[in-house]
Protein backbone atom coordinates (compact mmCIF):
# COMPACT_ATOMS: atom_id res chain seq x y z
CA MET A 1 -24.29 3.14 10.18
CA PHE A 2 -21.47 3.37 12.74
CA ASN A 3 -21.30 -0.04 12.59
CA PHE A 4 -21.31 -0.43 8.85
CA ARG A 5 -18.49 2.09 8.19
CA LYS A 6 -16.30 0.38 10.86
CA ASN A 7 -16.55 -2.71 9.35
CA LEU A 8 -16.11 -1.16 5.53
CA LEU A 9 -12.84 0.73 7.37
CA ASN A 10 -11.41 -2.19 8.94
CA LYS A 11 -11.48 -3.90 5.31
CA SER A 12 -10.87 -1.30 3.43
CA LEU A 13 -8.11 0.52 5.38
CA LEU A 14 -5.66 -2.60 5.02
CA ILE A 15 -5.58 -2.07 1.23
CA GLY A 16 -5.04 1.77 1.13
CA CYS A 17 -2.56 1.86 3.91
CA SER A 18 -0.37 2.36 2.44
CA LEU A 19 -1.57 1.39 -2.11
CA LEU A 20 2.98 -0.44 -6.74
CA THR A 21 14.09 0.65 -11.26
CA LEU A 22 16.37 -2.04 -11.14
CA SER A 23 16.45 -5.42 -12.52
CA ALA A 24 13.61 -6.65 -14.59
CA ALA A 25 14.46 -10.07 -14.18
CA ALA A 26 14.87 -11.65 -10.64
CA GLN A 27 13.01 -14.30 -8.37
CA THR A 28 11.01 -12.04 -6.22
CA SER A 29 10.06 -8.41 -4.88
CA VAL A 30 13.12 -8.75 -1.89
CA TRP A 31 16.15 -6.44 -1.83
CA GLN A 32 19.77 -7.59 -0.41
CA VAL A 33 20.63 -3.65 0.81
CA LYS A 34 24.60 -3.81 2.01
CA LYS A 35 27.12 -1.43 3.63
CA GLY A 36 30.14 -3.19 4.40
CA GLU A 37 29.71 -6.31 6.15
CA ASP A 38 25.95 -5.11 7.49
CA THR A 39 22.73 -6.36 5.55
CA VAL A 40 19.28 -4.52 5.54
CA TYR A 41 16.83 -6.86 3.59
CA ILE A 42 13.92 -4.56 1.97
CA GLY A 43 10.75 -6.47 0.78
CA GLY A 44 8.01 -4.77 -1.73
CA THR A 45 4.63 -5.64 -0.46
CA LEU A 46 0.76 -5.96 -1.49
CA HIS A 47 -1.29 -4.41 1.03
CA ILE A 48 -3.76 -7.11 -0.23
CA LEU A 49 -3.06 -10.61 -1.34
CA PRO A 50 -5.41 -13.34 -2.63
CA SER A 51 -5.26 -16.59 -0.09
CA SER A 52 -4.03 -18.37 -3.70
CA GLN A 53 -0.90 -16.35 -3.54
CA MET A 54 0.71 -18.34 -0.58
CA PRO A 55 2.58 -19.69 0.13
CA LEU A 56 4.96 -16.32 -0.46
CA PRO A 57 8.09 -16.77 -2.75
CA ALA A 58 11.09 -18.05 -0.84
CA GLU A 59 12.94 -15.51 -0.52
CA PHE A 60 10.35 -13.09 1.54
CA GLU A 61 10.81 -16.23 3.66
CA PHE A 62 14.81 -16.76 3.70
CA ALA A 63 14.84 -12.48 4.52
CA TYR A 64 12.37 -13.00 7.39
CA GLN A 65 14.79 -15.78 9.10
CA GLN A 66 17.69 -14.05 9.00
CA SER A 67 16.15 -10.76 10.48
CA ASP A 68 16.27 -9.98 14.45
CA THR A 69 13.43 -7.47 13.46
CA VAL A 70 10.67 -6.62 11.11
CA ILE A 71 9.79 -2.71 10.26
CA LEU A 72 6.80 -2.18 9.10
CA GLU A 73 5.41 1.44 7.26
CA ALA A 74 2.44 1.56 10.34
CA LYS A 75 1.05 -0.19 13.27
CA MET A 76 -2.31 -0.58 11.99
CA PRO A 77 -5.02 -0.05 15.53
CA ASP A 78 -6.50 -3.57 16.33
CA PRO A 79 -10.21 -3.57 15.08
CA THR A 80 -11.47 -4.30 18.63
CA ASP A 81 -10.20 -0.78 19.70
CA ALA A 82 -13.44 1.46 19.23
CA GLN A 83 -11.92 4.88 19.79
CA ALA A 84 -9.31 3.91 17.47
CA GLN A 85 -11.40 3.32 14.68
CA MET A 86 -13.63 6.21 15.52
CA ASN A 87 -10.55 8.35 14.78
CA MET A 88 -10.44 6.84 11.74
CA ILE A 89 -13.77 7.45 10.43
CA GLN A 90 -13.59 11.13 11.92
CA THR A 91 -10.13 11.85 10.35
CA LEU A 92 -11.71 10.58 6.81
CA SER A 93 -15.05 12.19 6.68
CA TYR A 94 -16.25 15.72 5.84
CA LYS A 95 -17.22 17.93 8.80
CA ASN A 96 -19.68 20.75 9.13
CA ASP A 97 -22.37 18.73 7.02
CA GLU A 98 -20.14 18.43 3.69
CA THR A 99 -20.75 15.94 1.25
CA LEU A 100 -18.71 13.98 -1.72
CA SER A 101 -21.75 14.49 -3.84
CA GLU A 102 -21.85 18.15 -4.10
CA LYS A 103 -18.47 18.59 -5.00
CA LEU A 104 -18.98 15.97 -8.17
CA THR A 105 -20.76 17.02 -11.30
CA PRO A 106 -23.54 15.11 -12.37
CA GLN A 107 -21.93 12.96 -14.83
CA VAL A 108 -19.29 11.60 -12.06
CA ARG A 109 -22.00 10.82 -9.49
CA LYS A 110 -24.26 9.72 -11.38
CA GLN A 111 -21.57 6.76 -12.80
CA LEU A 112 -20.33 6.43 -8.93
CA GLU A 113 -24.43 5.65 -8.28
CA ALA A 114 -24.46 3.36 -10.80
CA LYS A 115 -21.25 1.64 -9.53
CA LEU A 116 -21.95 1.51 -5.95
CA ALA A 117 -25.53 0.01 -6.81
CA GLN A 118 -23.60 -3.16 -8.42
CA PHE A 119 -22.54 -3.85 -4.95
CA GLY A 120 -25.46 -3.29 -3.48
CA THR A 121 -24.73 -0.04 -2.01
CA SER A 122 -25.31 3.47 -2.10
CA LEU A 123 -24.16 7.03 -2.12
CA ASN A 124 -26.04 8.12 0.88
CA GLU A 125 -24.19 5.56 3.14
CA LEU A 126 -20.88 6.95 1.43
CA ASN A 127 -21.30 10.31 0.83
CA SER A 128 -19.89 11.68 4.43
CA PHE A 129 -16.30 10.17 3.48
CA ARG A 130 -14.00 11.99 1.81
CA PRO A 131 -12.11 10.61 -2.33
CA PHE A 132 -9.72 8.19 -0.68
CA MET A 133 -11.90 6.60 1.36
CA VAL A 134 -14.55 6.08 -1.35
CA SER A 135 -11.91 4.88 -3.96
CA VAL A 136 -10.44 2.24 -1.09
CA VAL A 137 -14.17 1.31 -0.68
CA LEU A 138 -14.47 0.91 -4.27
CA MET A 139 -11.25 -0.78 -5.03
CA SER A 140 -11.93 -3.62 -1.72
CA MET A 141 -15.92 -4.26 -3.43
CA GLU A 142 -14.54 -4.52 -6.82
CA LEU A 143 -11.96 -7.56 -5.35
CA GLN A 144 -14.18 -9.02 -3.10
CA LYS A 145 -16.18 -9.25 -6.13
CA GLN A 146 -13.80 -11.16 -8.09
CA SER A 147 -12.47 -13.01 -5.16
CA LEU A 148 -8.81 -11.73 -4.80
CA ILE A 149 -9.60 -10.47 -1.44
CA GLY A 150 -7.17 -11.31 1.23
CA GLU A 151 -4.40 -10.78 3.93
CA GLY A 152 -1.71 -8.37 2.80
CA VAL A 153 2.09 -9.33 2.96
CA ASP A 154 2.51 -6.65 5.59
CA ALA A 155 -0.63 -8.27 8.06
CA TYR A 156 1.39 -11.39 7.20
CA PHE A 157 4.49 -10.47 8.54
CA ALA A 158 3.02 -8.33 11.43
CA LYS A 159 0.89 -11.34 12.59
CA ARG A 160 4.28 -13.74 12.26
CA ALA A 161 6.83 -11.43 13.91
CA SER A 162 3.89 -11.54 16.94
CA ALA A 163 3.81 -15.14 17.25
CA ASP A 164 7.60 -15.11 17.21
CA ASN A 165 8.09 -12.72 19.61
CA LYS A 166 10.19 -10.78 16.76
CA PRO A 167 10.48 -7.21 17.62
CA GLN A 168 8.59 -4.62 14.91
CA GLN A 169 9.32 -0.83 14.42
CA TYR A 170 7.26 1.34 12.21
CA LEU A 171 8.27 3.76 9.14
CA GLU A 172 5.71 6.50 10.10
CA ASP A 173 2.82 6.23 12.51
CA ILE A 174 -1.02 6.30 11.52
CA ALA A 175 -1.97 9.14 12.59
CA PHE A 176 0.77 10.75 9.52
CA GLN A 177 -1.54 8.24 7.45
CA LEU A 178 -4.58 9.19 8.17
CA ARG A 179 -3.42 13.10 7.46
CA LEU A 180 -1.84 11.73 4.23
CA PHE A 181 -5.25 10.31 2.72
CA LYS A 182 -7.43 12.95 3.93
CA GLU A 183 -5.83 15.34 1.74
CA MET A 184 -5.84 12.88 -1.37
CA GLY A 185 -8.31 13.73 -3.66
CA GLU A 186 -8.73 17.11 -1.57
CA ASN A 187 -10.01 20.31 -3.81
CA ASN A 188 -9.75 18.00 -6.91
CA GLU A 189 -12.80 15.07 -5.83
CA ASN A 190 -14.40 14.98 -9.15
CA ASN A 191 -11.43 13.79 -11.06
CA PHE A 192 -9.87 11.82 -7.87
CA ILE A 193 -13.55 9.82 -8.70
CA GLN A 194 -13.44 9.42 -11.99
CA SER A 195 -9.91 8.56 -12.69
CA ASN A 196 -10.86 5.65 -9.93
CA LEU A 197 -14.15 4.66 -11.55
CA ASP A 198 -12.17 4.55 -15.14
CA GLN A 199 -9.56 2.29 -13.54
CA LEU A 200 -12.68 -0.53 -11.88
CA ASN A 201 -13.58 -1.12 -15.49
CA ASP A 202 -10.96 -4.27 -16.06
CA TYR A 203 -9.56 -3.79 -12.01
CA SER A 204 -9.04 -8.07 -12.01
CA THR A 205 -6.99 -7.81 -15.10
CA LEU A 206 -4.86 -4.81 -13.68
CA PHE A 207 -4.67 -6.60 -10.34
CA ASN A 208 -3.60 -10.00 -11.49
CA SER A 209 -1.11 -8.13 -13.79
CA MET A 210 0.67 -6.49 -11.00
CA MET A 211 0.45 -9.54 -8.77
CA LYS A 212 2.43 -11.56 -11.51
CA ALA A 213 4.69 -8.36 -11.23
CA TRP A 214 5.53 -8.49 -8.10
CA ARG A 215 5.67 -12.29 -7.48
CA SER A 216 8.36 -12.41 -10.08
CA GLY A 217 10.09 -8.77 -9.28
CA ASP A 218 9.65 -7.55 -12.21
CA THR A 219 10.18 -3.53 -11.22
CA GLU A 220 9.71 -2.43 -15.09
CA LEU A 221 6.40 -3.81 -15.57
CA LEU A 222 4.73 -2.87 -11.63
CA ASN A 223 6.27 0.64 -12.48
CA GLU A 224 4.48 0.67 -16.03
CA LEU A 225 1.40 -0.87 -14.32
CA VAL A 226 1.25 1.70 -11.09
CA VAL A 227 3.58 4.36 -10.97
CA LEU A 228 4.15 5.60 -14.27
CA PRO A 229 -0.43 6.10 -14.11
CA LEU A 230 0.22 7.93 -11.06
CA LEU A 231 2.98 10.21 -12.28
CA LYS A 232 0.54 11.17 -15.32
CA ASP A 233 -2.64 11.51 -14.07
CA ASP A 234 -2.08 12.84 -10.69
CA PRO A 235 1.14 13.99 -9.86
CA ASP A 236 0.28 15.41 -6.42
CA THR A 237 -0.86 12.05 -5.84
CA PHE A 238 2.57 10.71 -6.24
CA LYS A 239 4.90 13.05 -4.87
CA LYS A 240 2.91 12.63 -1.68
CA LEU A 241 1.83 9.09 -1.56
CA LEU A 242 5.37 8.11 -3.12
CA LYS A 243 8.24 10.74 -3.46
CA ASP A 244 7.96 12.58 -0.63
CA ARG A 245 7.73 9.51 1.81
CA ASN A 246 10.59 7.66 -0.21
CA TYR A 247 12.88 10.53 1.34
CA ASN A 248 11.27 10.60 4.86
CA TRP A 249 12.68 6.66 5.15
CA LEU A 250 15.81 6.85 3.93
CA PRO A 251 17.08 8.34 6.80
CA LYS A 252 15.36 6.00 9.01
CA VAL A 253 16.83 2.96 7.03
CA GLU A 254 19.94 4.61 6.97
CA ALA A 255 19.94 4.52 10.89
CA MET A 256 19.18 0.66 10.55
CA PHE A 257 22.97 -0.11 9.45
CA GLY A 258 26.12 -0.14 12.14
CA ASN A 259 24.36 -1.91 14.91
CA GLU A 260 24.09 -5.67 15.95
CA GLN A 261 20.55 -5.90 14.56
CA GLN A 262 19.59 -7.30 11.03
CA GLU A 263 16.19 -5.78 9.91
CA LEU A 264 13.76 -6.77 7.20
CA VAL A 265 11.55 -3.56 6.07
CA LEU A 266 8.33 -4.06 4.15
CA VAL A 267 6.81 -1.46 2.22
CA GLY A 268 4.27 -1.11 -0.70
CA ALA A 269 5.63 -2.36 -3.83
CA ALA A 270 5.29 0.94 -5.70
CA HIS A 271 8.06 2.40 -2.93
CA LEU A 272 10.89 0.74 -4.91
CA VAL A 273 10.26 1.08 -8.55
CA GLY A 274 9.93 4.14 -10.72
CA GLU A 275 11.46 7.87 -10.05
CA HIS A 276 12.53 8.50 -6.79
CA ASN A 277 12.38 5.33 -5.39
CA LEU A 278 13.38 4.02 -2.01
CA LEU A 279 16.14 1.69 -3.76
CA SER A 280 17.46 4.04 -6.14
CA LEU A 281 17.79 6.74 -3.06
CA LEU A 282 19.83 4.18 -1.27
CA THR A 283 21.88 3.41 -4.60
CA GLU A 284 22.87 6.78 -4.57
CA GLN A 285 24.10 6.81 -1.47
CA GLY A 286 26.51 4.15 -2.12
CA TYR A 287 24.53 1.24 -0.24
CA THR A 288 25.22 -2.04 -2.78
CA ILE A 289 21.38 -3.41 -3.99
CA THR A 290 21.18 -7.13 -4.95
CA GLN A 291 17.64 -8.38 -5.86
CA LEU A 292 17.37 -12.03 -3.90
CA ASP A 293 17.39 -15.07 -5.76
CA ILE A 294 17.45 -17.92 -3.71
CA ALA A 295 16.60 -20.87 -6.31
CA GLY A 296 19.74 -18.90 -8.41
CA GLN A 297 22.07 -19.72 -5.62
CA GLN A 298 21.30 -23.09 -4.95
């Protein structure tokens, strides 16, 4: 059971760590943020991306080459670190013999069991996991079924930076993210799971639309597909997952100006669109924001 959970967690957390306005017509989801002559690049990422989407748009490579340091949301532990994996499992699991199924109505429990059966697993294998973990497992299994699973933009550049000996820094630590994920769906398990099951009905269409919008830098469509539904259906999660973290990151990004280094900040694309997004917060502080378009500059 431990190996099953560990493997499932390794795959699924890469998607969940971290799940999408300015101009809607641009090359892709990379922005140049300027204050005087100082520049910071900010790229919106998808935490999972099929290999068919490689290579990345040229703007990502340009920003990476121009930058001395890569800034990511958090450092994911090495999959071989058994202690870190166990800590994740413990944090995202119930204690004292609590189970997810006892927090669901019979109708939602039956729907969840039926969906898991389609993937060749059962609620018994996931029953001790908290709702966020179950939702990420569902999403990763659906993407794998549709052959849409793949390494995310963040993981790609983390490997690139390591290979190039380029320093990496982080906006928050994994302990904070795990606490955040632990709280998602808490005391609202039934609605949380129901909402995720509803989303899976046509998830491949939604995911492909998100990829297209992300790749073309269509912030209005990303907002419509990702942020607005979350704001409407689960405002508490919107606040904790997006709004609060954007405000927490704002002073950290501002601190990147005025030094001799040039940084590339990579965060989930949802943090850069819709209400209270990080780019709009920087604009309010007087920074100049330009969406990169390498092809348009040639």
